[in-house]
Amino acid sequence: MNMVTNKILEMEEYAEKNDIPIMQKSGLEYIQRKINSINAKNILELGTAIGYSTICFASVSDDIKITSIERNEERYKEAVKNVNDINYNDRVNLILADALEIDLTDKYDLIIIDAAKGKNIDFFNKYKNNLNKNGIMIFDNMNFHGLVGKSDSIKGKNLRNLVRKIEIFREFISVQEDYYALFIEVGDGLCICERKKDIL
């Protein structure tokens, strides 16, 4: 077993022990296949947590570069340690910041959004201009543990409001004039968002 595989297993155990949400395996593997199929080399991730998915995505190919943004300092520091442990620091750029408060000028083949679920519309509007011409955006947790579509029956106000925001995002992204949205039932539900090609 190589160093990266060992680190990934170690992070899965750490996340479970410390109750840190990480991307579900089937969703993660779907995105890894997508990275291959679109030949993504420059990736932006919103929501690093401890760097689990970041490292999994970077491990797809040695020529992938990932920028990942995390606003929680404790998790960011853990992610930095994990990235350094496997010598990925030349390919993984971790940023401690609120993704809505910084401005990036680079263009990306793939933007993965796994951050504050109630702000997906804001993330889309802010980062769509950072997509390469044929780039795609992927949003995670579109089903939010099976609760999306059932917000009216949720008793807790905060949880109900959060789920409702995901429902509103799903409606919003489905009617964008310049983008296709495809919902995939893997992991906790993914939305694949792709710019419509110009009709010649």
N, C-alpha and C. Protein backbone atom coordinates (compact mmCIF):
# COMPACT_ATOMS: atom_id res chain seq x y z
N MET A 1 0.85 -1.20 0.00
CA MET A 1 0.00 0.00 0.00
C MET A 1 0.88 1.25 0.00
N ASN A 2 0.62 2.17 -0.91
CA ASN A 2 1.51 3.34 -0.99
C ASN A 2 1.14 4.43 0.02
N MET A 3 2.00 5.43 0.08
CA MET A 3 1.87 6.50 1.07
C MET A 3 0.54 7.24 0.96
N VAL A 4 0.11 7.53 -0.28
CA VAL A 4 -1.14 8.27 -0.49
C VAL A 4 -2.34 7.44 -0.04
N THR A 5 -2.37 6.17 -0.42
CA THR A 5 -3.47 5.28 -0.01
C THR A 5 -3.54 5.18 1.51
N ASN A 6 -2.38 5.05 2.14
CA ASN A 6 -2.33 4.99 3.61
C ASN A 6 -2.90 6.26 4.23
N LYS A 7 -2.51 7.40 3.66
CA LYS A 7 -2.98 8.69 4.18
C LYS A 7 -4.50 8.82 4.02
N ILE A 8 -5.04 8.39 2.88
CA ILE A 8 -6.49 8.46 2.63
C ILE A 8 -7.25 7.62 3.66
N LEU A 9 -6.77 6.42 3.93
CA LEU A 9 -7.40 5.54 4.93
C LEU A 9 -7.32 6.16 6.33
N GLU A 10 -6.17 6.74 6.63
CA GLU A 10 -5.98 7.40 7.92
C GLU A 10 -6.95 8.57 8.09
N MET A 11 -7.16 9.33 7.01
CA MET A 11 -8.07 10.48 7.06
C MET A 11 -9.52 10.04 7.21
N GLU A 12 -9.87 8.93 6.58
CA GLU A 12 -11.24 8.40 6.74
C GLU A 12 -11.51 8.05 8.20
N GLU A 13 -10.53 7.43 8.85
CA GLU A 13 -10.67 7.08 10.27
C GLU A 13 -10.74 8.34 11.13
N TYR A 14 -9.88 9.31 10.82
CA TYR A 14 -9.85 10.56 11.59
C TYR A 14 -11.20 11.29 11.48
N ALA A 15 -11.73 11.35 10.26
CA ALA A 15 -13.01 12.04 10.03
C ALA A 15 -14.14 11.38 10.81
N GLU A 16 -14.14 10.05 10.80
CA GLU A 16 -15.20 9.32 11.51
C GLU A 16 -15.09 9.54 13.02
N LYS A 17 -13.86 9.47 13.53
CA LYS A 17 -13.62 9.62 14.97
C LYS A 17 -13.96 11.03 15.45
N ASN A 18 -13.68 12.02 14.61
CA ASN A 18 -13.86 13.43 15.01
C ASN A 18 -15.12 14.07 14.44
N ASP A 19 -15.98 13.23 13.86
CA ASP A 19 -17.27 13.70 13.35
C ASP A 19 -17.12 14.83 12.33
N ILE A 20 -16.17 14.64 11.41
CA ILE A 20 -15.94 15.63 10.36
C ILE A 20 -16.58 15.11 9.07
N PRO A 21 -17.49 15.87 8.47
CA PRO A 21 -18.14 15.39 7.24
C PRO A 21 -17.17 15.37 6.06
N ILE A 22 -17.05 14.21 5.43
CA ILE A 22 -16.25 14.10 4.20
C ILE A 22 -17.15 13.56 3.10
N MET A 23 -16.73 13.74 1.89
CA MET A 23 -17.54 13.32 0.74
C MET A 23 -17.75 11.81 0.74
N GLN A 24 -18.99 11.40 0.42
CA GLN A 24 -19.28 9.97 0.35
C GLN A 24 -18.47 9.31 -0.77
N LYS A 25 -18.10 8.07 -0.52
CA LYS A 25 -17.19 7.34 -1.41
C LYS A 25 -17.69 7.29 -2.86
N SER A 26 -18.97 6.98 -3.05
CA SER A 26 -19.46 6.83 -4.44
C SER A 26 -19.45 8.17 -5.17
N GLY A 27 -19.76 9.27 -4.45
CA GLY A 27 -19.70 10.60 -5.06
C GLY A 27 -18.26 10.98 -5.41
N LEU A 28 -17.36 10.65 -4.49
CA LEU A 28 -15.94 10.92 -4.69
C LEU A 28 -15.41 10.18 -5.92
N GLU A 29 -15.75 8.90 -6.01
CA GLU A 29 -15.26 8.09 -7.14
C GLU A 29 -15.85 8.57 -8.46
N TYR A 30 -17.11 9.03 -8.43
CA TYR A 30 -17.73 9.58 -9.64
C TYR A 30 -16.94 10.80 -10.12
N ILE A 31 -16.59 11.68 -9.18
CA ILE A 31 -15.84 12.90 -9.56
C ILE A 31 -14.44 12.53 -10.05
N GLN A 32 -13.81 11.54 -9.44
CA GLN A 32 -12.50 11.10 -9.92
C GLN A 32 -12.58 10.62 -11.37
N ARG A 33 -13.64 9.88 -11.69
CA ARG A 33 -13.83 9.42 -13.09
C ARG A 33 -14.07 10.62 -14.01
N LYS A 34 -14.81 11.60 -13.50
CA LYS A 34 -15.11 12.81 -14.29
C LYS A 34 -13.82 13.58 -14.57
N ILE A 35 -12.94 13.67 -13.58
CA ILE A 35 -11.64 14.34 -13.76
C ILE A 35 -10.90 13.70 -14.92
N ASN A 36 -10.92 12.38 -14.97
CA ASN A 36 -10.28 11.65 -16.07
C ASN A 36 -10.95 11.91 -17.40
N SER A 37 -12.29 11.84 -17.41
CA SER A 37 -13.01 11.90 -18.69
C SER A 37 -12.93 13.29 -19.33
N ILE A 38 -12.86 14.35 -18.51
CA ILE A 38 -12.74 15.69 -19.10
C ILE A 38 -11.28 16.16 -19.12
N ASN A 39 -10.38 15.29 -18.64
CA ASN A 39 -8.95 15.60 -18.63
C ASN A 39 -8.66 16.89 -17.86
N ALA A 40 -9.28 17.01 -16.69
CA ALA A 40 -9.11 18.22 -15.87
C ALA A 40 -7.71 18.28 -15.29
N LYS A 41 -7.05 19.41 -15.47
CA LYS A 41 -5.69 19.60 -14.95
C LYS A 41 -5.64 20.69 -13.87
N ASN A 42 -6.55 21.64 -13.95
CA ASN A 42 -6.56 22.75 -13.00
C ASN A 42 -7.93 22.76 -12.31
N ILE A 43 -7.93 22.47 -11.01
CA ILE A 43 -9.18 22.25 -10.28
C ILE A 43 -9.28 23.23 -9.12
N LEU A 44 -10.49 23.75 -8.90
CA LEU A 44 -10.78 24.58 -7.74
C LEU A 44 -11.80 23.85 -6.87
N GLU A 45 -11.54 23.80 -5.57
CA GLU A 45 -12.46 23.16 -4.63
C GLU A 45 -12.84 24.17 -3.56
N LEU A 46 -14.12 24.33 -3.33
CA LEU A 46 -14.60 25.18 -2.23
C LEU A 46 -15.04 24.25 -1.11
N GLY A 47 -14.34 24.31 0.03
CA GLY A 47 -14.64 23.44 1.15
C GLY A 47 -13.62 22.32 1.26
N THR A 48 -12.46 22.63 1.85
CA THR A 48 -11.36 21.66 1.96
C THR A 48 -11.60 20.66 3.08
N ALA A 49 -12.17 21.15 4.20
CA ALA A 49 -12.23 20.40 5.46
C ALA A 49 -10.80 19.94 5.79
N ILE A 50 -10.57 18.64 5.98
CA ILE A 50 -9.22 18.18 6.36
C ILE A 50 -8.37 17.78 5.15
N GLY A 51 -8.89 18.05 3.94
CA GLY A 51 -8.12 17.78 2.73
C GLY A 51 -8.34 16.39 2.15
N TYR A 52 -9.34 15.69 2.66
CA TYR A 52 -9.59 14.31 2.20
C TYR A 52 -9.91 14.25 0.70
N SER A 53 -10.96 14.95 0.29
CA SER A 53 -11.33 14.92 -1.13
C SER A 53 -10.25 15.59 -1.98
N THR A 54 -9.63 16.63 -1.45
CA THR A 54 -8.56 17.34 -2.17
C THR A 54 -7.46 16.35 -2.58
N ILE A 55 -7.02 15.56 -1.62
CA ILE A 55 -5.95 14.59 -1.87
C ILE A 55 -6.43 13.49 -2.82
N CYS A 56 -7.68 13.04 -2.63
CA CYS A 56 -8.23 12.01 -3.52
C CYS A 56 -8.27 12.50 -4.97
N PHE A 57 -8.66 13.75 -5.16
CA PHE A 57 -8.74 14.30 -6.52
C PHE A 57 -7.34 14.51 -7.11
N ALA A 58 -6.43 14.99 -6.29
CA ALA A 58 -5.05 15.21 -6.77
C ALA A 58 -4.38 13.89 -7.14
N SER A 59 -4.78 12.81 -6.48
CA SER A 59 -4.15 11.50 -6.71
C SER A 59 -4.53 10.87 -8.05
N VAL A 60 -5.53 11.45 -8.73
CA VAL A 60 -5.97 10.90 -10.02
C VAL A 60 -4.84 10.94 -11.05
N SER A 61 -4.06 12.03 -11.04
CA SER A 61 -2.97 12.18 -12.01
C SER A 61 -1.91 13.12 -11.46
N ASP A 62 -0.65 12.84 -11.78
CA ASP A 62 0.46 13.64 -11.26
C ASP A 62 0.50 15.06 -11.80
N ASP A 63 -0.21 15.33 -12.91
CA ASP A 63 -0.15 16.69 -13.47
C ASP A 63 -1.37 17.54 -13.12
N ILE A 64 -2.13 17.10 -12.11
CA ILE A 64 -3.28 17.88 -11.64
C ILE A 64 -2.82 18.88 -10.60
N LYS A 65 -3.32 20.11 -10.73
CA LYS A 65 -3.08 21.14 -9.70
C LYS A 65 -4.44 21.53 -9.11
N ILE A 66 -4.50 21.60 -7.78
CA ILE A 66 -5.76 21.92 -7.10
C ILE A 66 -5.56 23.11 -6.17
N THR A 67 -6.49 24.06 -6.27
CA THR A 67 -6.60 25.13 -5.29
C THR A 67 -7.83 24.83 -4.46
N SER A 68 -7.69 24.81 -3.14
CA SER A 68 -8.82 24.47 -2.27
C SER A 68 -8.95 25.51 -1.16
N ILE A 69 -10.17 25.95 -0.92
CA ILE A 69 -10.44 27.04 0.03
C ILE A 69 -11.21 26.50 1.23
N GLU A 70 -10.74 26.84 2.41
CA GLU A 70 -11.39 26.42 3.67
C GLU A 70 -11.43 27.59 4.63
N ARG A 71 -12.56 27.82 5.28
CA ARG A 71 -12.66 28.98 6.18
C ARG A 71 -12.45 28.61 7.65
N ASN A 72 -12.50 27.31 7.98
CA ASN A 72 -12.30 26.87 9.36
C ASN A 72 -10.81 26.65 9.59
N GLU A 73 -10.22 27.45 10.49
CA GLU A 73 -8.76 27.43 10.67
C GLU A 73 -8.24 26.09 11.16
N GLU A 74 -8.96 25.48 12.09
CA GLU A 74 -8.53 24.19 12.64
C GLU A 74 -8.48 23.11 11.54
N ARG A 75 -9.53 23.06 10.72
CA ARG A 75 -9.57 22.07 9.63
C ARG A 75 -8.52 22.39 8.56
N TYR A 76 -8.36 23.67 8.29
CA TYR A 76 -7.34 24.11 7.32
C TYR A 76 -5.95 23.62 7.74
N LYS A 77 -5.62 23.80 9.03
CA LYS A 77 -4.30 23.38 9.54
C LYS A 77 -4.13 21.86 9.41
N GLU A 78 -5.20 21.12 9.68
CA GLU A 78 -5.16 19.66 9.54
C GLU A 78 -4.94 19.28 8.07
N ALA A 79 -5.60 20.02 7.17
CA ALA A 79 -5.44 19.77 5.72
C ALA A 79 -4.00 20.04 5.28
N VAL A 80 -3.42 21.14 5.76
CA VAL A 80 -2.03 21.48 5.43
C VAL A 80 -1.09 20.36 5.87
N LYS A 81 -1.31 19.86 7.08
CA LYS A 81 -0.48 18.76 7.60
C LYS A 81 -0.63 17.53 6.71
N ASN A 82 -1.87 17.20 6.34
CA ASN A 82 -2.10 16.00 5.52
C ASN A 82 -1.46 16.12 4.14
N VAL A 83 -1.57 17.30 3.54
CA VAL A 83 -0.97 17.53 2.22
C VAL A 83 0.55 17.45 2.29
N ASN A 84 1.12 18.03 3.35
CA ASN A 84 2.58 17.99 3.54
C ASN A 84 3.09 16.56 3.78
N ASP A 85 2.29 15.78 4.51
CA ASP A 85 2.68 14.41 4.84
C ASP A 85 2.96 13.56 3.60
N ILE A 86 2.26 13.86 2.50
CA ILE A 86 2.42 13.05 1.28
C ILE A 86 3.13 13.84 0.17
N ASN A 87 3.72 14.97 0.55
CA ASN A 87 4.50 15.78 -0.40
C ASN A 87 3.69 16.24 -1.61
N TYR A 88 2.44 16.63 -1.35
CA TYR A 88 1.59 17.15 -2.44
C TYR A 88 1.59 18.67 -2.47
N ASN A 89 2.43 19.31 -1.62
CA ASN A 89 2.34 20.77 -1.52
C ASN A 89 2.74 21.51 -2.79
N ASP A 90 3.42 20.84 -3.72
CA ASP A 90 3.75 21.50 -4.98
C ASP A 90 2.56 21.51 -5.95
N ARG A 91 1.57 20.68 -5.67
CA ARG A 91 0.39 20.58 -6.57
C ARG A 91 -0.91 21.03 -5.92
N VAL A 92 -0.89 21.13 -4.60
CA VAL A 92 -2.11 21.51 -3.87
C VAL A 92 -1.87 22.84 -3.17
N ASN A 93 -2.69 23.83 -3.52
CA ASN A 93 -2.60 25.16 -2.93
C ASN A 93 -3.80 25.35 -2.00
N LEU A 94 -3.55 25.35 -0.69
CA LEU A 94 -4.63 25.51 0.28
C LEU A 94 -4.73 26.96 0.72
N ILE A 95 -5.95 27.47 0.77
CA ILE A 95 -6.18 28.87 1.13
C ILE A 95 -7.13 28.92 2.32
N LEU A 96 -6.73 29.63 3.37
CA LEU A 96 -7.60 29.86 4.53
C LEU A 96 -8.38 31.15 4.28
N ALA A 97 -9.67 31.01 3.97
CA ALA A 97 -10.48 32.19 3.65
C ALA A 97 -11.94 31.78 3.52
N ASP A 98 -12.81 32.77 3.54
CA ASP A 98 -14.20 32.57 3.16
C ASP A 98 -14.25 32.69 1.63
N ALA A 99 -14.73 31.65 0.97
CA ALA A 99 -14.71 31.61 -0.51
C ALA A 99 -15.48 32.75 -1.15
N LEU A 100 -16.41 33.35 -0.40
CA LEU A 100 -17.18 34.46 -0.97
C LEU A 100 -16.48 35.81 -0.77
N GLU A 101 -15.37 35.79 -0.02
CA GLU A 101 -14.70 37.05 0.29
C GLU A 101 -13.35 37.22 -0.39
N ILE A 102 -12.95 36.23 -1.19
CA ILE A 102 -11.69 36.39 -1.92
C ILE A 102 -11.98 36.36 -3.42
N ASP A 103 -11.06 36.90 -4.19
CA ASP A 103 -11.22 36.93 -5.64
C ASP A 103 -10.07 36.19 -6.31
N LEU A 104 -10.42 35.21 -7.11
CA LEU A 104 -9.42 34.45 -7.87
C LEU A 104 -9.55 34.81 -9.34
N THR A 105 -8.42 34.93 -10.01
CA THR A 105 -8.46 35.31 -11.43
C THR A 105 -8.19 34.12 -12.35
N ASP A 106 -7.71 33.01 -11.77
CA ASP A 106 -7.39 31.84 -12.60
C ASP A 106 -8.65 31.22 -13.21
N LYS A 107 -8.43 30.45 -14.27
CA LYS A 107 -9.52 29.68 -14.89
C LYS A 107 -9.31 28.21 -14.57
N TYR A 108 -10.42 27.49 -14.40
CA TYR A 108 -10.34 26.09 -13.97
C TYR A 108 -11.15 25.19 -14.89
N ASP A 109 -10.63 23.96 -15.05
CA ASP A 109 -11.35 22.95 -15.84
C ASP A 109 -12.52 22.39 -15.05
N LEU A 110 -12.37 22.38 -13.73
CA LEU A 110 -13.39 21.80 -12.85
C LEU A 110 -13.44 22.60 -11.56
N ILE A 111 -14.66 22.97 -11.15
CA ILE A 111 -14.86 23.64 -9.86
C ILE A 111 -15.80 22.76 -9.05
N ILE A 112 -15.32 22.31 -7.89
CA ILE A 112 -16.11 21.43 -7.03
C ILE A 112 -16.56 22.24 -5.81
N ILE A 113 -17.88 22.28 -5.59
CA ILE A 113 -18.42 23.11 -4.52
C ILE A 113 -19.03 22.21 -3.45
N ASP A 114 -18.34 22.19 -2.31
CA ASP A 114 -18.74 21.35 -1.18
C ASP A 114 -18.58 22.17 0.10
N ALA A 115 -19.10 23.39 0.04
CA ALA A 115 -18.94 24.34 1.15
C ALA A 115 -20.32 24.61 1.77
N ALA A 116 -20.54 25.82 2.29
CA ALA A 116 -21.81 26.14 2.96
C ALA A 116 -22.98 25.89 2.03
N LYS A 117 -23.82 24.92 2.39
CA LYS A 117 -24.89 24.45 1.49
C LYS A 117 -25.92 25.53 1.16
N GLY A 118 -26.10 26.47 2.08
CA GLY A 118 -27.10 27.50 1.86
C GLY A 118 -26.63 28.62 0.94
N LYS A 119 -25.36 28.54 0.49
CA LYS A 119 -24.80 29.63 -0.32
C LYS A 119 -24.45 29.20 -1.74
N ASN A 120 -25.02 28.10 -2.20
CA ASN A 120 -24.67 27.58 -3.53
C ASN A 120 -24.95 28.57 -4.66
N ILE A 121 -26.04 29.32 -4.55
CA ILE A 121 -26.35 30.31 -5.60
C ILE A 121 -25.25 31.38 -5.63
N ASP A 122 -24.83 31.82 -4.45
CA ASP A 122 -23.75 32.82 -4.37
C ASP A 122 -22.45 32.27 -4.94
N PHE A 123 -22.13 31.01 -4.60
CA PHE A 123 -20.91 30.39 -5.13
C PHE A 123 -20.96 30.29 -6.65
N PHE A 124 -22.11 29.88 -7.16
CA PHE A 124 -22.26 29.75 -8.62
C PHE A 124 -22.04 31.10 -9.29
N ASN A 125 -22.72 32.13 -8.81
CA ASN A 125 -22.62 33.45 -9.43
C ASN A 125 -21.21 34.03 -9.33
N LYS A 126 -20.52 33.75 -8.22
CA LYS A 126 -19.18 34.30 -8.03
C LYS A 126 -18.14 33.58 -8.88
N TYR A 127 -18.27 32.26 -9.01
CA TYR A 127 -17.18 31.49 -9.62
C TYR A 127 -17.43 31.00 -11.05
N LYS A 128 -18.62 31.24 -11.59
CA LYS A 128 -18.87 30.76 -12.96
C LYS A 128 -17.92 31.38 -13.98
N ASN A 129 -17.46 32.60 -13.69
CA ASN A 129 -16.52 33.26 -14.62
C ASN A 129 -15.10 32.71 -14.50
N ASN A 130 -14.86 31.86 -13.50
CA ASN A 130 -13.55 31.22 -13.36
C ASN A 130 -13.48 29.87 -14.07
N LEU A 131 -14.56 29.51 -14.76
CA LEU A 131 -14.58 28.25 -15.51
C LEU A 131 -13.93 28.44 -16.86
N ASN A 132 -13.11 27.48 -17.26
CA ASN A 132 -12.63 27.44 -18.64
C ASN A 132 -13.81 27.24 -19.57
N LYS A 133 -13.60 27.50 -20.85
CA LYS A 133 -14.70 27.42 -21.82
C LYS A 133 -15.46 26.09 -21.74
N ASN A 134 -14.74 24.99 -21.62
CA ASN A 134 -15.39 23.68 -21.54
C ASN A 134 -15.41 23.12 -20.12
N GLY A 135 -15.20 24.00 -19.14
CA GLY A 135 -15.15 23.55 -17.75
C GLY A 135 -16.52 23.21 -17.19
N ILE A 136 -16.52 22.47 -16.09
CA ILE A 136 -17.78 22.12 -15.42
C ILE A 136 -17.69 22.44 -13.93
N MET A 137 -18.87 22.63 -13.34
CA MET A 137 -18.98 22.81 -11.89
C MET A 137 -19.71 21.58 -11.35
N ILE A 138 -19.29 21.12 -10.18
CA ILE A 138 -20.00 20.02 -9.51
C ILE A 138 -20.35 20.46 -8.09
N PHE A 139 -21.62 20.35 -7.75
CA PHE A 139 -22.11 20.67 -6.41
C PHE A 139 -22.44 19.37 -5.68
N ASP A 140 -21.98 19.26 -4.43
CA ASP A 140 -22.26 18.06 -3.64
C ASP A 140 -23.45 18.31 -2.70
N ASN A 141 -23.96 17.23 -2.13
CA ASN A 141 -25.05 17.25 -1.12
C ASN A 141 -26.37 17.79 -1.66
N MET A 142 -26.67 17.46 -2.91
CA MET A 142 -27.91 17.92 -3.50
C MET A 142 -29.16 17.22 -2.92
N ASN A 143 -28.94 16.10 -2.25
CA ASN A 143 -30.06 15.40 -1.59
C ASN A 143 -30.08 15.65 -0.09
N PHE A 144 -28.98 16.10 0.44
CA PHE A 144 -28.78 16.37 1.86
C PHE A 144 -29.43 15.31 2.74
N HIS A 145 -28.82 14.13 2.67
CA HIS A 145 -29.23 12.99 3.51
C HIS A 145 -30.69 12.60 3.30
N GLY A 146 -31.17 12.78 2.07
CA GLY A 146 -32.54 12.38 1.75
C GLY A 146 -33.60 13.37 2.19
N LEU A 147 -33.21 14.56 2.66
CA LEU A 147 -34.18 15.53 3.18
C LEU A 147 -34.68 16.51 2.13
N VAL A 148 -33.91 16.66 1.03
CA VAL A 148 -34.32 17.62 -0.01
C VAL A 148 -35.62 17.13 -0.66
N GLY A 149 -36.57 18.06 -0.76
CA GLY A 149 -37.91 17.71 -1.26
C GLY A 149 -38.89 17.47 -0.12
N LYS A 150 -38.35 17.47 1.11
CA LYS A 150 -39.21 17.21 2.28
C LYS A 150 -39.11 18.33 3.31
N SER A 151 -38.70 19.51 2.87
CA SER A 151 -38.42 20.60 3.83
C SER A 151 -39.65 20.96 4.67
N ASP A 152 -40.85 20.83 4.08
CA ASP A 152 -42.06 21.22 4.81
C ASP A 152 -42.30 20.35 6.04
N SER A 153 -41.75 19.15 6.04
CA SER A 153 -42.00 18.24 7.17
C SER A 153 -40.87 18.26 8.21
N ILE A 154 -39.85 19.10 8.00
CA ILE A 154 -38.73 19.16 8.95
C ILE A 154 -39.10 20.11 10.09
N LYS A 155 -38.98 19.61 11.33
CA LYS A 155 -39.41 20.41 12.48
C LYS A 155 -38.40 21.48 12.88
N GLY A 156 -37.11 21.13 12.88
CA GLY A 156 -36.10 22.11 13.31
C GLY A 156 -35.98 23.25 12.31
N LYS A 157 -36.07 24.47 12.81
CA LYS A 157 -36.10 25.65 11.93
C LYS A 157 -34.82 25.80 11.11
N ASN A 158 -33.65 25.67 11.77
CA ASN A 158 -32.38 25.86 11.05
C ASN A 158 -32.18 24.82 9.96
N LEU A 159 -32.48 23.56 10.30
CA LEU A 159 -32.34 22.49 9.31
C LEU A 159 -33.34 22.69 8.18
N ARG A 160 -34.57 23.06 8.51
CA ARG A 160 -35.59 23.28 7.48
C ARG A 160 -35.16 24.40 6.53
N ASN A 161 -34.61 25.49 7.09
CA ASN A 161 -34.17 26.61 6.26
C ASN A 161 -33.03 26.20 5.33
N LEU A 162 -32.09 25.39 5.86
CA LEU A 162 -30.96 24.94 5.06
C LEU A 162 -31.42 24.06 3.90
N VAL A 163 -32.29 23.11 4.20
CA VAL A 163 -32.79 22.20 3.16
C VAL A 163 -33.58 22.98 2.13
N ARG A 164 -34.35 23.95 2.59
CA ARG A 164 -35.13 24.79 1.65
C ARG A 164 -34.20 25.55 0.71
N LYS A 165 -33.06 26.01 1.22
CA LYS A 165 -32.10 26.73 0.37
C LYS A 165 -31.52 25.81 -0.71
N ILE A 166 -31.31 24.55 -0.36
CA ILE A 166 -30.83 23.59 -1.37
C ILE A 166 -31.92 23.35 -2.42
N GLU A 167 -33.17 23.26 -1.97
CA GLU A 167 -34.29 23.09 -2.91
C GLU A 167 -34.38 24.30 -3.85
N ILE A 168 -34.21 25.48 -3.30
CA ILE A 168 -34.26 26.71 -4.11
C ILE A 168 -33.10 26.72 -5.11
N PHE A 169 -31.91 26.29 -4.66
CA PHE A 169 -30.76 26.21 -5.57
C PHE A 169 -31.04 25.25 -6.72
N ARG A 170 -31.61 24.10 -6.42
CA ARG A 170 -31.90 23.11 -7.47
C ARG A 170 -32.83 23.72 -8.53
N GLU A 171 -33.81 24.49 -8.07
CA GLU A 171 -34.73 25.16 -9.01
C GLU A 171 -33.98 26.23 -9.80
N PHE A 172 -33.16 27.00 -9.12
CA PHE A 172 -32.39 28.09 -9.72
C PHE A 172 -31.46 27.56 -10.83
N ILE A 173 -30.71 26.52 -10.52
CA ILE A 173 -29.69 26.03 -11.46
C ILE A 173 -30.33 25.34 -12.66
N SER A 174 -31.54 24.84 -12.47
CA SER A 174 -32.22 24.12 -13.56
C SER A 174 -32.75 25.04 -14.65
N VAL A 175 -32.85 26.33 -14.35
CA VAL A 175 -33.45 27.25 -15.33
C VAL A 175 -32.44 28.29 -15.85
N GLN A 176 -31.14 28.03 -15.63
CA GLN A 176 -30.13 28.96 -16.15
C GLN A 176 -30.08 28.88 -17.68
N GLU A 177 -30.15 30.04 -18.32
CA GLU A 177 -30.18 30.08 -19.79
C GLU A 177 -28.89 29.57 -20.42
N ASP A 178 -27.76 29.82 -19.76
CA ASP A 178 -26.46 29.51 -20.37
C ASP A 178 -25.83 28.22 -19.88
N TYR A 179 -26.52 27.50 -18.97
CA TYR A 179 -25.93 26.30 -18.38
C TYR A 179 -26.92 25.14 -18.35
N TYR A 180 -26.37 23.95 -18.55
CA TYR A 180 -27.13 22.72 -18.32
C TYR A 180 -26.88 22.27 -16.90
N ALA A 181 -27.89 21.70 -16.25
CA ALA A 181 -27.70 21.11 -14.92
C ALA A 181 -28.20 19.67 -14.96
N LEU A 182 -27.34 18.77 -14.54
CA LEU A 182 -27.68 17.35 -14.52
C LEU A 182 -27.53 16.86 -13.08
N PHE A 183 -28.59 16.27 -12.52
CA PHE A 183 -28.54 15.76 -11.16
C PHE A 183 -28.25 14.26 -11.19
N ILE A 184 -27.23 13.87 -10.46
CA ILE A 184 -26.76 12.48 -10.45
C ILE A 184 -27.01 11.89 -9.07
N GLU A 185 -27.65 10.72 -9.05
CA GLU A 185 -27.96 10.07 -7.77
C GLU A 185 -26.81 9.18 -7.31
N VAL A 186 -25.69 9.79 -7.00
CA VAL A 186 -24.58 9.06 -6.37
C VAL A 186 -24.17 9.83 -5.12
N GLY A 187 -23.59 9.11 -4.16
CA GLY A 187 -23.22 9.76 -2.91
C GLY A 187 -24.43 10.42 -2.28
N ASP A 188 -24.27 11.69 -1.89
CA ASP A 188 -25.38 12.43 -1.30
C ASP A 188 -26.06 13.32 -2.35
N GLY A 189 -25.89 12.92 -3.63
CA GLY A 189 -26.51 13.68 -4.72
C GLY A 189 -25.57 14.73 -5.26
N LEU A 190 -25.29 14.67 -6.56
CA LEU A 190 -24.41 15.64 -7.19
C LEU A 190 -25.18 16.40 -8.27
N CYS A 191 -24.80 17.65 -8.48
CA CYS A 191 -25.29 18.43 -9.62
C CYS A 191 -24.11 18.75 -10.51
N ILE A 192 -24.19 18.31 -11.77
CA ILE A 192 -23.14 18.59 -12.75
C ILE A 192 -23.63 19.76 -13.59
N CYS A 193 -22.89 20.84 -13.56
CA CYS A 193 -23.31 22.07 -14.24
C CYS A 193 -22.31 22.41 -15.35
N GLU A 194 -22.82 22.51 -16.56
CA GLU A 194 -21.95 22.70 -17.72
C GLU A 194 -22.48 23.83 -18.59
N ARG A 195 -21.58 24.66 -19.08
CA ARG A 195 -21.98 25.78 -19.93
C ARG A 195 -22.52 25.26 -21.27
N LYS A 196 -23.63 25.83 -21.72
CA LYS A 196 -24.17 25.44 -23.03
C LYS A 196 -23.23 25.94 -24.11
N LYS A 197 -22.97 25.08 -25.07
CA LYS A 197 -22.07 25.45 -26.17
C LYS A 197 -22.81 26.39 -27.13
N ASP A 198 -22.08 27.32 -27.70
CA ASP A 198 -22.68 28.22 -28.69
C ASP A 198 -23.16 27.43 -29.90
N ILE A 199 -24.36 27.72 -30.34
CA ILE A 199 -24.89 27.05 -31.54
C ILE A 199 -24.42 27.83 -32.77
N LEU A 200 -23.69 27.14 -33.62
CA LEU A 200 -23.13 27.82 -34.80
C LEU A 200 -24.13 27.82 -35.95
